[in-house]
Protein backbone atom coordinates (compact mmCIF):
# COMPACT_ATOMS: atom_id res chain seq x y z
CA MET A 1 95.68 90.09 94.10
CA SER A 2 92.68 90.63 91.93
CA ALA A 3 90.64 88.26 89.81
CA ILE A 4 91.69 84.73 90.77
CA PRO A 5 90.26 81.86 88.56
CA LEU A 6 90.12 78.10 89.93
CA THR A 7 91.59 74.58 89.66
CA GLY A 8 92.32 71.79 92.06
CA GLY A 9 94.59 69.04 93.30
CA HIS A 10 91.51 66.94 92.54
CA PRO A 11 89.98 66.89 89.03
CA LEU A 12 88.06 70.02 88.08
CA SER A 13 84.62 69.85 89.63
CA GLU A 14 81.28 70.55 87.99
CA HIS A 15 81.09 73.74 90.04
CA GLU A 16 84.07 75.31 88.29
CA PRO A 17 83.73 77.39 85.12
CA ALA A 18 85.94 76.67 82.15
CA PRO A 19 89.13 78.71 82.40
CA SER A 20 89.03 81.93 80.40
CA TRP A 21 92.54 83.15 81.24
CA VAL A 22 95.74 82.66 79.33
CA ILE A 23 99.39 83.02 80.30
CA ASP A 24 100.90 86.27 79.05
CA PRO A 25 104.69 85.80 78.99
CA HIS A 26 105.19 89.47 78.12
CA LYS A 27 103.55 90.88 81.27
CA PRO A 28 105.40 90.42 84.56
CA SER A 29 103.62 88.26 87.12
CA VAL A 30 104.20 88.85 90.82
CA ALA A 31 104.15 85.09 91.45
CA ARG A 32 106.82 84.47 88.82
CA MET A 33 108.89 87.45 90.02
CA TYR A 34 108.74 85.96 93.52
CA ASP A 35 109.87 82.63 92.08
CA TYR A 36 112.82 84.42 90.46
CA TYR A 37 113.75 86.12 93.74
CA LEU A 38 113.82 82.66 95.34
CA GLY A 39 116.12 81.34 92.60
CA GLY A 40 113.40 79.36 90.82
CA LYS A 41 113.13 78.66 87.11
CA ASP A 42 109.39 79.08 86.54
CA ASN A 43 109.57 82.59 85.14
CA PHE A 44 109.83 84.45 81.85
CA ALA A 45 112.14 87.18 80.57
CA ALA A 46 109.55 89.85 81.41
CA ASP A 47 109.44 88.64 85.01
CA ARG A 48 113.22 88.64 85.31
CA GLU A 49 113.53 92.10 83.77
CA ALA A 50 111.00 93.58 86.19
CA ALA A 51 112.60 91.85 89.17
CA ASP A 52 116.07 92.96 88.08
CA GLU A 53 114.86 96.58 88.03
CA ILE A 54 114.29 96.27 91.76
CA LEU A 55 117.28 94.03 92.53
CA ALA A 56 119.62 96.54 90.91
CA ARG A 57 118.64 99.05 93.60
CA MET A 58 117.63 96.72 96.43
CA PRO A 59 119.70 93.54 96.12
CA TYR A 60 118.59 92.41 99.58
CA VAL A 61 115.10 91.72 98.21
CA ARG A 62 116.27 88.16 97.60
CA ASP A 63 117.19 87.87 101.29
CA PHE A 64 113.88 89.01 102.72
CA THR A 65 111.97 86.95 100.17
CA ARG A 66 113.79 83.86 101.42
CA GLU A 67 113.20 84.98 105.00
CA ASN A 68 109.49 85.17 104.21
CA ARG A 69 109.56 81.62 102.92
CA ALA A 70 111.39 80.44 106.02
CA PHE A 71 108.82 82.25 108.16
CA LEU A 72 106.08 80.25 106.45
CA SER A 73 107.85 76.98 107.24
CA ARG A 74 108.43 77.87 110.88
CA VAL A 75 104.85 78.97 111.44
CA VAL A 76 103.26 75.98 109.72
CA ARG A 77 105.50 73.59 111.63
CA LEU A 78 104.60 75.30 114.90
CA LEU A 79 100.86 75.34 114.24
CA ALA A 80 100.82 71.71 113.12
CA ALA A 81 102.66 70.79 116.31
CA ARG A 82 99.96 72.71 118.23
CA GLY A 83 97.28 70.55 116.68
CA ILE A 84 96.12 72.59 113.67
CA ARG A 85 95.08 70.21 110.91
CA GLN A 86 93.57 72.67 108.42
CA PHE A 87 95.41 75.35 106.46
CA LEU A 88 93.94 77.81 103.94
CA ASP A 89 96.88 79.41 102.13
CA ILE A 90 95.68 82.41 100.09
CA GLY A 91 98.06 83.85 97.49
CA SER A 92 100.30 80.83 97.78
CA GLY A 93 102.56 81.43 94.78
CA LEU A 94 104.54 78.90 92.79
CA PRO A 95 105.47 75.65 94.51
CA THR A 96 109.01 75.60 95.86
CA ARG A 97 110.77 73.85 98.73
CA GLU A 98 108.83 73.28 101.95
CA ASN A 99 105.40 74.19 100.67
CA THR A 100 102.65 74.51 103.26
CA HIS A 101 101.26 71.01 102.70
CA GLN A 102 104.71 69.41 102.84
CA VAL A 103 105.60 71.10 106.12
CA ALA A 104 102.21 70.45 107.71
CA GLN A 105 101.93 66.85 106.54
CA ALA A 106 105.48 66.07 107.70
CA VAL A 107 104.24 66.85 111.22
CA ALA A 108 100.70 65.52 110.79
CA PRO A 109 100.04 63.35 107.71
CA ASP A 110 96.30 63.96 108.07
CA ALA A 111 96.69 67.75 107.76
CA ARG A 112 94.49 69.27 105.04
CA VAL A 113 95.67 72.20 102.93
CA VAL A 114 93.90 74.36 100.35
CA TYR A 115 95.88 76.82 98.24
CA VAL A 116 94.33 79.84 96.52
CA ASP A 117 96.10 81.79 93.77
CA ASN A 118 95.39 83.58 90.49
CA ASP A 119 98.43 82.95 88.32
CA PRO A 120 97.74 80.28 85.67
CA ILE A 121 101.26 78.88 85.99
CA VAL A 122 100.80 78.58 89.75
CA LEU A 123 97.54 76.73 89.22
CA ALA A 124 99.02 74.39 86.62
CA HIS A 125 102.05 73.56 88.77
CA GLY A 126 99.87 73.09 91.82
CA ARG A 127 97.57 70.67 90.05
CA ALA A 128 100.52 68.62 88.81
CA LEU A 129 102.20 68.55 92.22
CA LEU A 130 99.06 67.68 94.15
CA ALA A 131 97.29 65.35 91.72
CA LYS A 132 97.74 62.35 94.05
CA ASN A 133 97.42 64.18 97.37
CA ARG A 134 93.81 63.82 98.45
CA ASN A 135 94.28 66.07 101.47
CA THR A 136 95.38 69.05 99.40
CA ALA A 137 93.78 71.19 96.69
CA VAL A 138 94.52 74.31 94.66
CA VAL A 139 91.59 76.60 93.92
CA ARG A 140 90.99 79.64 91.79
CA ALA A 141 88.94 82.37 93.48
CA ASP A 142 88.85 86.12 93.96
CA LEU A 143 90.68 87.62 96.94
CA HIS A 144 88.15 90.45 96.88
CA ASP A 145 85.37 87.91 97.45
CA PRO A 146 86.33 86.32 100.79
CA LYS A 147 82.94 84.68 101.19
CA GLY A 148 83.41 83.12 97.77
CA ILE A 149 86.68 81.62 98.96
CA ILE A 150 85.21 80.35 102.22
CA ASP A 151 82.14 78.88 100.51
CA HIS A 152 83.93 77.42 97.50
CA PRO A 153 83.11 73.71 97.08
CA GLU A 154 86.78 72.66 96.91
CA VAL A 155 87.52 74.61 100.08
CA ARG A 156 84.50 73.16 101.88
CA SER A 157 85.45 69.64 100.78
CA LEU A 158 88.65 69.84 102.84
CA ILE A 159 88.17 72.61 105.40
CA ASP A 160 85.67 72.23 108.24
CA PHE A 161 85.18 75.72 109.64
CA SER A 162 83.55 74.33 112.78
CA GLN A 163 87.09 73.26 113.71
CA PRO A 164 90.21 75.44 114.14
CA VAL A 165 91.88 76.51 110.90
CA ALA A 166 94.96 78.51 109.98
CA ILE A 167 94.22 81.18 107.38
CA MET A 168 97.43 82.34 105.75
CA LEU A 169 97.94 85.65 103.95
CA LEU A 170 101.64 85.72 103.17
CA ALA A 171 102.98 88.50 100.93
CA ILE A 172 99.56 89.04 99.39
CA LEU A 173 97.64 91.83 101.13
CA HIS A 174 100.06 94.53 99.98
CA PHE A 175 98.68 93.94 96.49
CA VAL A 176 95.39 95.43 97.71
CA PRO A 177 96.09 99.19 97.55
CA ASP A 178 92.91 100.44 99.20
CA ASP A 179 93.22 100.32 102.99
CA ASP A 180 89.49 99.93 103.58
CA GLU A 181 89.28 97.10 101.06
CA ALA A 182 92.24 95.29 102.61
CA SER A 183 90.61 95.60 106.04
CA ARG A 184 87.30 94.31 104.69
CA ILE A 185 88.98 91.27 103.14
CA VAL A 186 90.67 90.30 106.39
CA ARG A 187 87.55 91.00 108.43
CA GLU A 188 85.40 88.75 106.24
CA LEU A 189 87.99 85.99 106.16
CA ARG A 190 87.98 86.03 109.96
CA VAL A 191 84.20 85.57 110.22
CA PRO A 192 84.17 81.73 110.16
CA MET A 193 87.25 81.32 112.37
CA VAL A 194 86.36 79.51 115.61
CA PRO A 195 88.39 79.77 118.84
CA GLY A 196 91.77 78.11 118.42
CA SER A 197 92.07 79.30 114.80
CA TYR A 198 95.08 81.27 113.61
CA LEU A 199 95.62 84.17 111.21
CA VAL A 200 99.11 84.15 109.69
CA MET A 201 100.29 87.20 107.78
CA SER A 202 103.35 88.72 106.21
CA HIS A 203 103.10 92.17 104.68
CA GLY A 204 105.51 94.39 102.78
CA HIS A 205 106.90 97.53 104.38
CA MET A 206 109.37 100.15 103.18
CA GLY A 207 111.43 100.72 106.31
CA GLU A 208 113.36 103.95 105.82
CA VAL A 209 113.72 103.61 102.05
CA ASP A 210 113.76 107.04 100.40
CA ASP A 211 110.83 108.26 98.33
CA ASP A 212 112.62 108.03 94.98
CA LEU A 213 113.47 104.37 95.48
CA GLN A 214 109.97 103.63 96.71
CA GLU A 215 108.60 105.12 93.50
CA VAL A 216 110.84 102.79 91.46
CA VAL A 217 109.33 99.83 93.28
CA TYR A 218 105.76 101.09 92.89
CA LYS A 219 106.28 101.91 89.20
CA THR A 220 107.71 98.45 88.51
CA TYR A 221 104.83 96.66 90.20
CA ARG A 222 102.25 98.81 88.42
CA GLN A 223 103.39 97.04 85.24
CA THR A 224 102.67 93.58 86.66
CA THR A 225 99.57 91.42 86.65
CA SER A 226 98.66 92.74 90.11
CA GLY A 227 98.87 96.38 89.10
CA ASN A 228 99.84 97.89 92.45
CA ILE A 229 101.79 97.29 95.62
CA THR A 230 101.17 99.17 98.86
CA ALA A 231 103.57 99.06 101.79
CA ARG A 232 102.03 99.42 105.24
CA THR A 233 103.30 100.17 108.73
CA SER A 234 103.38 97.77 111.67
CA SER A 235 100.47 99.71 113.20
CA GLN A 236 98.39 99.16 110.08
CA VAL A 237 99.24 95.45 110.11
CA ALA A 238 98.33 95.28 113.81
CA ALA A 239 94.82 96.50 112.99
CA TYR A 240 94.15 93.31 110.99
CA PHE A 241 94.60 91.34 114.22
CA GLU A 242 92.28 93.45 116.36
CA GLY A 243 90.58 91.28 118.95
CA MET A 244 93.06 88.43 118.47
CA GLU A 245 95.93 87.38 120.69
CA LEU A 246 99.28 87.84 118.94
CA LEU A 247 101.85 85.12 119.44
CA GLU A 248 105.20 86.35 120.69
CA PRO A 249 107.18 88.23 119.48
CA GLY A 250 104.24 90.09 117.94
CA ILE A 251 104.67 92.01 114.68
CA VAL A 252 108.32 91.92 113.64
CA GLN A 253 110.48 91.41 110.58
CA VAL A 254 109.85 87.87 109.33
CA GLY A 255 113.52 86.98 109.80
CA VAL A 256 113.33 87.59 113.54
CA TRP A 257 110.00 85.87 114.18
CA ARG A 258 111.04 82.99 116.46
CA PRO A 259 114.42 82.46 114.77
CA GLU A 260 115.34 79.91 117.40
CA ILE A 261 113.01 77.49 115.62
CA ARG A 262 114.72 78.03 112.31
CA GLY A 263 115.51 81.18 110.39
CA LEU A 264 117.60 84.32 110.15
CA ALA A 265 118.19 86.25 113.35
CA ASP A 266 119.20 89.66 112.02
CA ALA A 267 117.09 92.28 110.26
CA ASP A 268 117.82 95.91 109.48
CA PRO A 269 114.65 97.94 110.21
CA ARG A 270 115.88 100.67 107.86
CA LYS A 271 115.54 98.37 104.87
CA ALA A 272 112.34 97.34 103.15
CA GLY A 273 111.08 93.88 103.99
CA PHE A 274 108.16 91.89 105.35
CA PHE A 275 106.47 92.20 108.70
CA GLY A 276 105.31 88.86 110.02
CA ALA A 277 102.68 88.09 112.65
CA VAL A 278 100.51 85.24 113.90
CA GLY A 279 97.28 85.79 115.82
CA VAL A 280 95.02 83.27 117.55
CA VAL A 281 91.28 83.48 118.14
CA ARG A 282 90.42 83.05 121.83
């Protein structure tokens, strides 16, 4: 996503500028469309109309969106059980069931979670949900400024980068259309990750969807707040993990990533969906 402003589960700090954004109910938001796919109610008519354009041709979008959410829960539960106590969830979206902090803190109550997003409704909901949770914050920052995210005072107040951390990029990087820019973002986010840290990613792909249908998807998303969506191949996703050790089963459809823990065990590779992967720094 592009320009991401900033709030927090704690009161706004002196470091944060006054918000200059407003909610535009007439322009589809990818976060609110995602909420609609999940069956949520925090969306406007413009979001539903844009999402319905895609659902009319690809009704299974709801399925792989839910699979992506289940993937998040499985991974966070696994990493918390492995001792990870810090999670930086970038492009977190609207709160729903089993949010990162809820899953992590159910395993380890002392787990610390920072969310980053750009949608004003996401930020408002996050602040309300997390107002009394001192181990969790929601911040506004720019995905294209990874160092700004890492160095943000709210992030630094909860995340100690001298200790292992899980950096999560779920269903977000495909909103960066330029391949070199996407690679730079991931590369810079990985800089402070010490051994034992994890990179968690899900990324949109188009499977064997025909060109005409792909263009419908791209055209619809060009009208949203993010402006573009770019599907990538498993090989392109693998490049983001260069030098890391991928957890089994590697880069697969999110629904088949360790389904024995909890999730959906079938996925049609011909359909569009999300690749999921988890890498660890050794």
